[in-house]
PDB file of all heavy atoms in Angstrom:
ATOM      1  N   PHE A   1      77.531  86.947 119.159  1.00  0.00           N
ATOM      2  CA  PHE A   1      78.594  87.805 118.623  1.00  0.00           C
ATOM      3  C   PHE A   1      79.248  88.640 119.715  1.00  0.00           C
ATOM      4  O   PHE A   1      80.481  88.749 119.771  1.00  0.00           O
ATOM      5  CB  PHE A   1      78.010  88.717 117.544  1.00  0.00           C
ATOM      6  CG  PHE A   1      79.010  89.686 116.982  1.00  0.00           C
ATOM      7  CD1 PHE A   1      79.958  89.273 116.064  1.00  0.00           C
ATOM      8  CD2 PHE A   1      79.016  91.013 117.397  1.00  0.00           C
ATOM      9  CE1 PHE A   1      80.894  90.158 115.548  1.00  0.00           C
ATOM     10  CE2 PHE A   1      79.944  91.913 116.892  1.00  0.00           C
ATOM     11  CZ  PHE A   1      80.886  91.471 115.968  1.00  0.00           C
ATOM     12  N   THR A   2      78.445  89.242 120.589  1.00  0.00           N
ATOM     13  CA  THR A   2      79.010  90.081 121.651  1.00  0.00           C
ATOM     14  C   THR A   2      79.901  89.272 122.580  1.00  0.00           C
ATOM     15  O   THR A   2      80.944  89.758 123.039  1.00  0.00           O
ATOM     16  CB  THR A   2      77.873  90.747 122.449  1.00  0.00           C
ATOM     17  OG1 THR A   2      76.995  91.427 121.552  1.00  0.00           O
ATOM     18  CG2 THR A   2      78.426  91.726 123.454  1.00  0.00           C
ATOM     19  N   THR A   3      79.516  88.026 122.860  1.00  0.00           N
ATOM     20  CA  THR A   3      80.317  87.182 123.742  1.00  0.00           C
ATOM     21  C   THR A   3      81.601  86.729 123.063  1.00  0.00           C
ATOM     22  O   THR A   3      82.694  86.806 123.636  1.00  0.00           O
ATOM     23  CB  THR A   3      79.488  85.956 124.176  1.00  0.00           C
ATOM     24  OG1 THR A   3      78.280  86.391 124.787  1.00  0.00           O
ATOM     25  CG2 THR A   3      80.265  85.100 125.160  1.00  0.00           C
ATOM     26  N   TRP A   4      81.483  86.261 121.821  1.00  0.00           N
ATOM     27  CA  TRP A   4      82.632  85.681 121.138  1.00  0.00           C
ATOM     28  C   TRP A   4      83.650  86.724 120.719  1.00  0.00           C
ATOM     29  O   TRP A   4      84.859  86.448 120.690  1.00  0.00           O
ATOM     30  CB  TRP A   4      82.160  84.885 119.922  1.00  0.00           C
ATOM     31  CG  TRP A   4      81.867  83.458 120.252  1.00  0.00           C
ATOM     32  CD1 TRP A   4      80.720  82.960 120.783  1.00  0.00           C
ATOM     33  CD2 TRP A   4      82.753  82.351 120.089  1.00  0.00           C
ATOM     34  NE1 TRP A   4      80.816  81.614 120.953  1.00  0.00           N
ATOM     35  CE2 TRP A   4      82.062  81.207 120.531  1.00  0.00           C
ATOM     36  CE3 TRP A   4      84.037  82.206 119.606  1.00  0.00           C
ATOM     37  CZ2 TRP A   4      82.630  79.938 120.504  1.00  0.00           C
ATOM     38  CZ3 TRP A   4      84.612  80.947 119.579  1.00  0.00           C
ATOM     39  CH2 TRP A   4      83.916  79.831 120.029  1.00  0.00           C
ATOM     40  N   VAL A   5      83.226  87.926 120.366  1.00  0.00           N
ATOM     41  CA  VAL A   5      84.191  88.917 119.906  1.00  0.00           C
ATOM     42  C   VAL A   5      85.100  89.353 121.055  1.00  0.00           C
ATOM     43  O   VAL A   5      86.290  89.665 120.849  1.00  0.00           O
ATOM     44  CB  VAL A   5      83.460  90.119 119.265  1.00  0.00           C
ATOM     45  CG1 VAL A   5      82.843  91.020 120.310  1.00  0.00           C
ATOM     46  CG2 VAL A   5      84.402  90.904 118.365  1.00  0.00           C
ATOM     47  N   LYS A   6      84.576  89.343 122.278  1.00  0.00           N
ATOM     48  CA  LYS A   6      85.425  89.649 123.433  1.00  0.00           C
ATOM     49  C   LYS A   6      86.410  88.515 123.697  1.00  0.00           C
ATOM     50  O   LYS A   6      87.587  88.752 124.008  1.00  0.00           O
ATOM     51  CB  LYS A   6      84.554  89.883 124.667  1.00  0.00           C
ATOM     52  CG  LYS A   6      83.679  91.126 124.579  1.00  0.00           C
ATOM     53  CD  LYS A   6      82.839  91.288 125.831  1.00  0.00           C
ATOM     54  CE  LYS A   6      81.953  92.536 125.730  1.00  0.00           C
ATOM     55  NZ  LYS A   6      81.099  92.695 126.936  1.00  0.00           N
ATOM     56  N   LEU A   7      85.943  87.276 123.544  1.00  0.00           N
ATOM     57  CA  LEU A   7      86.832  86.130 123.748  1.00  0.00           C
ATOM     58  C   LEU A   7      87.939  86.109 122.698  1.00  0.00           C
ATOM     59  O   LEU A   7      89.122  85.911 123.014  1.00  0.00           O
ATOM     60  CB  LEU A   7      86.016  84.836 123.685  1.00  0.00           C
ATOM     61  CG  LEU A   7      86.823  83.536 123.702  1.00  0.00           C
ATOM     62  CD1 LEU A   7      87.516  83.364 125.043  1.00  0.00           C
ATOM     63  CD2 LEU A   7      85.926  82.334 123.417  1.00  0.00           C
ATOM     64  N   LEU A   8      87.578  86.324 121.447  1.00  0.00           N
ATOM     65  CA  LEU A   8      88.572  86.277 120.376  1.00  0.00           C
ATOM     66  C   LEU A   8      89.581  87.414 120.510  1.00  0.00           C
ATOM     67  O   LEU A   8      90.767  87.234 120.207  1.00  0.00           O
ATOM     68  CB  LEU A   8      87.873  86.354 119.018  1.00  0.00           C
ATOM     69  CG  LEU A   8      86.988  85.164 118.646  1.00  0.00           C
ATOM     70  CD1 LEU A   8      86.295  85.414 117.309  1.00  0.00           C
ATOM     71  CD2 LEU A   8      87.813  83.884 118.565  1.00  0.00           C
ATOM     72  N   ALA A   9      89.127  88.581 120.950  1.00  0.00           N
ATOM     73  CA  ALA A   9      90.059  89.707 121.110  1.00  0.00           C
ATOM     74  C   ALA A   9      91.111  89.412 122.174  1.00  0.00           C
ATOM     75  O   ALA A   9      92.285  89.780 122.022  1.00  0.00           O
ATOM     76  CB  ALA A   9      89.286  90.973 121.467  1.00  0.00           C
ATOM     77  N   SER A  10      90.715  88.738 123.237  1.00  0.00           N
ATOM     78  CA  SER A  10      91.679  88.407 124.294  1.00  0.00           C
ATOM     79  C   SER A  10      92.577  87.236 123.915  1.00  0.00           C
ATOM     80  O   SER A  10      93.760  87.209 124.277  1.00  0.00           O
ATOM     81  CB  SER A  10      90.938  88.090 125.589  1.00  0.00           C
ATOM     82  OG  SER A  10      90.088  86.959 125.423  1.00  0.00           O
ATOM     83  N   GLU A  11      92.039  86.260 123.165  1.00  0.00           N
ATOM     84  CA  GLU A  11      92.818  85.079 122.825  1.00  0.00           C
ATOM     85  C   GLU A  11      93.718  85.298 121.608  1.00  0.00           C
ATOM     86  O   GLU A  11      94.823  84.760 121.547  1.00  0.00           O
ATOM     87  CB  GLU A  11      91.877  83.890 122.557  1.00  0.00           C
ATOM     88  CG  GLU A  11      91.110  83.432 123.769  1.00  0.00           C
ATOM     89  CD  GLU A  11      92.023  82.868 124.853  1.00  0.00           C
ATOM     90  OE1 GLU A  11      93.008  82.193 124.508  1.00  0.00           O
ATOM     91  OE2 GLU A  11      91.758  83.124 126.039  1.00  0.00           O
ATOM     92  N   LEU A  12      93.250  86.055 120.629  1.00  0.00           N
ATOM     93  CA  LEU A  12      94.023  86.280 119.407  1.00  0.00           C
ATOM     94  C   LEU A  12      94.883  87.531 119.471  1.00  0.00           C
ATOM     95  O   LEU A  12      95.571  87.860 118.498  1.00  0.00           O
ATOM     96  CB  LEU A  12      93.094  86.379 118.194  1.00  0.00           C
ATOM     97  CG  LEU A  12      92.171  85.194 117.934  1.00  0.00           C
ATOM     98  CD1 LEU A  12      91.371  85.408 116.666  1.00  0.00           C
ATOM     99  CD2 LEU A  12      92.964  83.899 117.841  1.00  0.00           C
ATOM    100  N   GLY A  13      94.854  88.213 120.611  1.00  0.00           N
ATOM    101  CA  GLY A  13      95.683  89.413 120.744  1.00  0.00           C
ATOM    102  C   GLY A  13      97.167  89.119 120.658  1.00  0.00           C
ATOM    103  O   GLY A  13      97.964  90.007 120.327  1.00  0.00           O
ATOM    104  N   CYS A  14      97.556  87.872 120.916  1.00  0.00           N
ATOM    105  CA  CYS A  14      98.973  87.513 120.840  1.00  0.00           C
ATOM    106  C   CYS A  14      99.504  87.548 119.414  1.00  0.00           C
ATOM    107  O   CYS A  14     100.724  87.563 119.205  1.00  0.00           O
ATOM    108  CB  CYS A  14      99.193  86.132 121.449  1.00  0.00           C
ATOM    109  SG  CYS A  14      98.253  84.813 120.642  1.00  0.00           S
ATOM    110  N   LEU A  15      98.597  87.542 118.421  1.00  0.00           N
ATOM    111  CA  LEU A  15      99.045  87.598 117.027  1.00  0.00           C
ATOM    112  C   LEU A  15      99.479  89.001 116.625  1.00  0.00           C
ATOM    113  O   LEU A  15     100.132  89.172 115.597  1.00  0.00           O
ATOM    114  CB  LEU A  15      97.924  87.122 116.097  1.00  0.00           C
ATOM    115  CG  LEU A  15      97.479  85.672 116.260  1.00  0.00           C
ATOM    116  CD1 LEU A  15      96.333  85.366 115.306  1.00  0.00           C
ATOM    117  CD2 LEU A  15      98.639  84.725 115.991  1.00  0.00           C
ATOM    118  N   ILE A  16      99.086  90.021 117.416  1.00  0.00           N
ATOM    119  CA  ILE A  16      99.511  91.400 117.156  1.00  0.00           C
ATOM    120  C   ILE A  16     100.650  91.696 118.130  1.00  0.00           C
ATOM    121  O   ILE A  16     100.422  92.023 119.298  1.00  0.00           O
ATOM    122  CB  ILE A  16      98.351  92.386 117.344  1.00  0.00           C
ATOM    123  CG1 ILE A  16      97.148  91.974 116.507  1.00  0.00           C
ATOM    124  CG2 ILE A  16      98.774  93.796 116.996  1.00  0.00           C
ATOM    125  CD1 ILE A  16      95.915  92.811 116.753  1.00  0.00           C
ATOM    126  N   TYR A  17     101.887  91.572 117.694  1.00  0.00           N
ATOM    127  CA  TYR A  17     103.035  91.744 118.585  1.00  0.00           C
ATOM    128  C   TYR A  17     104.178  92.388 117.806  1.00  0.00           C
ATOM    129  O   TYR A  17     104.214  92.362 116.571  1.00  0.00           O
ATOM    130  CB  TYR A  17     103.475  90.400 119.155  1.00  0.00           C
ATOM    131  CG  TYR A  17     104.177  89.499 118.175  1.00  0.00           C
ATOM    132  CD1 TYR A  17     105.558  89.390 118.151  1.00  0.00           C
ATOM    133  CD2 TYR A  17     103.442  88.774 117.236  1.00  0.00           C
ATOM    134  CE1 TYR A  17     106.203  88.578 117.235  1.00  0.00           C
ATOM    135  CE2 TYR A  17     104.071  87.953 116.317  1.00  0.00           C
ATOM    136  CZ  TYR A  17     105.449  87.852 116.332  1.00  0.00           C
ATOM    137  OH  TYR A  17     106.085  87.056 115.412  1.00  0.00           O
ATOM    138  N   ASN A  18     105.101  92.964 118.564  1.00  0.00           N
ATOM    139  CA  ASN A  18     106.269  93.608 117.974  1.00  0.00           C
ATOM    140  C   ASN A  18     107.418  92.595 117.963  1.00  0.00           C
ATOM    141  O   ASN A  18     107.910  92.202 119.019  1.00  0.00           O
ATOM    142  CB  ASN A  18     106.660  94.844 118.794  1.00  0.00           C
ATOM    143  CG  ASN A  18     107.720  95.670 118.118  1.00  0.00           C
ATOM    144  OD1 ASN A  18     107.815  95.684 116.895  1.00  0.00           O
ATOM    145  ND2 ASN A  18     108.529  96.363 118.908  1.00  0.00           N
ATOM    146  N   PRO A  19     107.850  92.131 116.790  1.00  0.00           N
ATOM    147  CA  PRO A  19     108.899  91.101 116.747  1.00  0.00           C
ATOM    148  C   PRO A  19     110.244  91.625 117.263  1.00  0.00           C
ATOM    149  O   PRO A  19     110.492  92.832 117.296  1.00  0.00           O
ATOM    150  CB  PRO A  19     108.971  90.738 115.255  1.00  0.00           C
ATOM    151  CG  PRO A  19     108.456  91.937 114.552  1.00  0.00           C
ATOM    152  CD  PRO A  19     107.426  92.537 115.454  1.00  0.00           C
ATOM    153  N   SER A  20     111.076  90.699 117.644  1.00  0.00           N
ATOM    154  CA  SER A  20     112.398  91.062 118.150  1.00  0.00           C
ATOM    155  C   SER A  20     113.265  91.645 117.044  1.00  0.00           C
ATOM    156  O   SER A  20     112.952  91.547 115.853  1.00  0.00           O
ATOM    157  CB  SER A  20     113.076  89.834 118.758  1.00  0.00           C
ATOM    158  OG  SER A  20     113.290  88.844 117.762  1.00  0.00           O
ATOM    159  N   TYR A  21     114.379  92.236 117.447  1.00  0.00           N
ATOM    160  CA  TYR A  21     115.253  92.882 116.460  1.00  0.00           C
ATOM    161  C   TYR A  21     115.853  91.858 115.498  1.00  0.00           C
ATOM    162  O   TYR A  21     116.046  92.144 114.319  1.00  0.00           O
ATOM    163  CB  TYR A  21     116.365  93.639 117.192  1.00  0.00           C
ATOM    164  CG  TYR A  21     117.230  94.461 116.269  1.00  0.00           C
ATOM    165  CD1 TYR A  21     116.786  95.680 115.760  1.00  0.00           C
ATOM    166  CD2 TYR A  21     118.489  94.010 115.894  1.00  0.00           C
ATOM    167  CE1 TYR A  21     117.574  96.431 114.904  1.00  0.00           C
ATOM    168  CE2 TYR A  21     119.289  94.761 115.039  1.00  0.00           C
ATOM    169  CZ  TYR A  21     118.834  95.977 114.551  1.00  0.00           C
ATOM    170  OH  TYR A  21     119.628  96.712 113.695  1.00  0.00           O
ATOM    171  N   GLU A  22     116.147  90.652 115.988  1.00  0.00           N
ATOM    172  CA  GLU A  22     116.716  89.629 115.115  1.00  0.00           C
ATOM    173  C   GLU A  22     115.712  89.199 114.046  1.00  0.00           C
ATOM    174  O   GLU A  22     116.050  89.070 112.865  1.00  0.00           O
ATOM    175  CB  GLU A  22     117.158  88.407 115.945  1.00  0.00           C
ATOM    176  CG  GLU A  22     118.360  88.657 116.848  1.00  0.00           C
ATOM    177  CD  GLU A  22     117.987  89.444 118.084  1.00  0.00           C
ATOM    178  OE1 GLU A  22     116.772  89.589 118.360  1.00  0.00           O
ATOM    179  OE2 GLU A  22     118.911  89.911 118.779  1.00  0.00           O
ATOM    180  N   VAL A  23     114.457  88.981 114.466  1.00  0.00           N
ATOM    181  CA  VAL A  23     113.424  88.619 113.496  1.00  0.00           C
ATOM    182  C   VAL A  23     113.176  89.769 112.524  1.00  0.00           C
ATOM    183  O   VAL A  23     112.975  89.568 111.324  1.00  0.00           O
ATOM    184  CB  VAL A  23     112.119  88.235 114.228  1.00  0.00           C
ATOM    185  CG1 VAL A  23     110.994  87.966 113.238  1.00  0.00           C
ATOM    186  CG2 VAL A  23     112.353  87.016 115.107  1.00  0.00           C
ATOM    187  N   PHE A  24     113.206  90.973 113.024  1.00  0.00           N
ATOM    188  CA  PHE A  24     113.011  92.144 112.171  1.00  0.00           C
ATOM    189  C   PHE A  24     114.087  92.221 111.083  1.00  0.00           C
ATOM    190  O   PHE A  24     113.788  92.496 109.916  1.00  0.00           O
ATOM    191  CB  PHE A  24     113.027  93.402 113.042  1.00  0.00           C
ATOM    192  CG  PHE A  24     113.400  94.657 112.311  1.00  0.00           C
ATOM    193  CD1 PHE A  24     112.525  95.254 111.415  1.00  0.00           C
ATOM    194  CD2 PHE A  24     114.648  95.252 112.496  1.00  0.00           C
ATOM    195  CE1 PHE A  24     112.874  96.409 110.734  1.00  0.00           C
ATOM    196  CE2 PHE A  24     115.005  96.397 111.819  1.00  0.00           C
ATOM    197  CZ  PHE A  24     114.117  96.980 110.937  1.00  0.00           C
ATOM    198  N   ARG A  25     115.342  91.965 111.424  1.00  0.00           N
ATOM    199  CA  ARG A  25     116.411  92.044 110.434  1.00  0.00           C
ATOM    200  C   ARG A  25     116.297  90.941 109.380  1.00  0.00           C
ATOM    201  O   ARG A  25     116.571  91.160 108.202  1.00  0.00           O
ATOM    202  CB  ARG A  25     117.772  91.923 111.123  1.00  0.00           C
ATOM    203  CG  ARG A  25     118.119  93.075 112.029  1.00  0.00           C
ATOM    204  CD  ARG A  25     118.177  94.398 111.300  1.00  0.00           C
ATOM    205  NE  ARG A  25     119.152  94.374 110.211  1.00  0.00           N
ATOM    206  CZ  ARG A  25     119.303  95.343 109.326  1.00  0.00           C
ATOM    207  NH1 ARG A  25     118.511  96.401 109.371  1.00  0.00           N
ATOM    208  NH2 ARG A  25     120.202  95.255 108.362  1.00  0.00           N
ATOM    209  N   LYS A  26     115.853  89.762 109.784  1.00  0.00           N
ATOM    210  CA  LYS A  26     115.758  88.653 108.838  1.00  0.00           C
ATOM    211  C   LYS A  26     114.559  88.785 107.902  1.00  0.00           C
ATOM    212  O   LYS A  26     114.566  88.230 106.802  1.00  0.00           O
ATOM    213  CB  LYS A  26     115.674  87.324 109.594  1.00  0.00           C
ATOM    214  CG  LYS A  26     116.971  86.949 110.292  1.00  0.00           C
ATOM    215  CD  LYS A  26     116.844  85.603 110.986  1.00  0.00           C
ATOM    216  CE  LYS A  26     118.147  85.215 111.656  1.00  0.00           C
ATOM    217  NZ  LYS A  26     118.062  83.900 112.332  1.00  0.00           N
ATOM    218  N   THR A  27     113.529  89.487 108.346  1.00  0.00           N
ATOM    219  CA  THR A  27     112.314  89.630 107.521  1.00  0.00           C
ATOM    220  C   THR A  27     112.221  90.990 106.849  1.00  0.00           C
ATOM    221  O   THR A  27     111.179  91.328 106.295  1.00  0.00           O
ATOM    222  CB  THR A  27     111.063  89.414 108.382  1.00  0.00           C
ATOM    223  OG1 THR A  27     111.068  90.361 109.468  1.00  0.00           O
ATOM    224  CG2 THR A  27     111.023  88.004 108.937  1.00  0.00           C
ATOM    225  N   LEU A  28     113.283  91.788 106.899  1.00  0.00           N
ATOM    226  CA  LEU A  28     113.247  93.123 106.307  1.00  0.00           C
ATOM    227  C   LEU A  28     113.166  93.009 104.783  1.00  0.00           C
ATOM    228  O   LEU A  28     113.997  92.348 104.154  1.00  0.00           O
ATOM    229  CB  LEU A  28     114.490  93.912 106.708  1.00  0.00           C
ATOM    230  CG  LEU A  28     114.512  95.395 106.298  1.00  0.00           C
ATOM    231  CD1 LEU A  28     113.419  96.153 107.048  1.00  0.00           C
ATOM    232  CD2 LEU A  28     115.877  96.010 106.576  1.00  0.00           C
ATOM    233  N   PRO A  29     112.178  93.640 104.142  1.00  0.00           N
ATOM    234  CA  PRO A  29     112.060  93.560 102.679  1.00  0.00           C
ATOM    235  C   PRO A  29     113.238  94.228 101.967  1.00  0.00           C
ATOM    236  O   PRO A  29     113.973  95.048 102.542  1.00  0.00           O
ATOM    237  CB  PRO A  29     110.752  94.302 102.387  1.00  0.00           C
ATOM    238  CG  PRO A  29     110.009  94.288 103.679  1.00  0.00           C
ATOM    239  CD  PRO A  29     111.042  94.332 104.752  1.00  0.00           C
ATOM    240  N   LYS A  30     113.382  93.891 100.720  1.00  0.00           N
ATOM    241  CA  LYS A  30     114.498  94.388  99.925  1.00  0.00           C
ATOM    242  C   LYS A  30     114.409  95.896  99.727  1.00  0.00           C
ATOM    243  O   LYS A  30     115.436  96.592  99.662  1.00  0.00           O
ATOM    244  CB  LYS A  30     114.513  93.678  98.577  1.00  0.00           C
ATOM    245  CG  LYS A  30     115.675  94.042  97.687  1.00  0.00           C
ATOM    246  CD  LYS A  30     115.632  93.256  96.395  1.00  0.00           C
ATOM    247  CE  LYS A  30     116.817  93.623  95.491  1.00  0.00           C
ATOM    248  NZ  LYS A  30     116.781  92.854  94.206  1.00  0.00           N
ATOM    249  N   LYS A  31     113.188  96.424  99.626  1.00  0.00           N
ATOM    250  CA  LYS A  31     113.032  97.858  99.374  1.00  0.00           C
ATOM    251  C   LYS A  31     113.559  98.715 100.510  1.00  0.00           C
ATOM    252  O   LYS A  31     113.888  99.890 100.311  1.00  0.00           O
ATOM    253  CB  LYS A  31     111.550  98.187  99.136  1.00  0.00           C
ATOM    254  CG  LYS A  31     111.050  97.782  97.763  1.00  0.00           C
ATOM    255  CD  LYS A  31     109.662  98.341  97.535  1.00  0.00           C
ATOM    256  CE  LYS A  31     109.201  98.040  96.105  1.00  0.00           C
ATOM    257  NZ  LYS A  31     107.866  98.599  95.826  1.00  0.00           N
TER     258      LYS A  31
END
């Protein structure tokens, strides 16, 4: 667990990102 959680944090960190303004406008909810 100690080994894999460090690997997953570095490899899956790309899934936590700030989308561009164009993507933000297209995915903006109705509310």
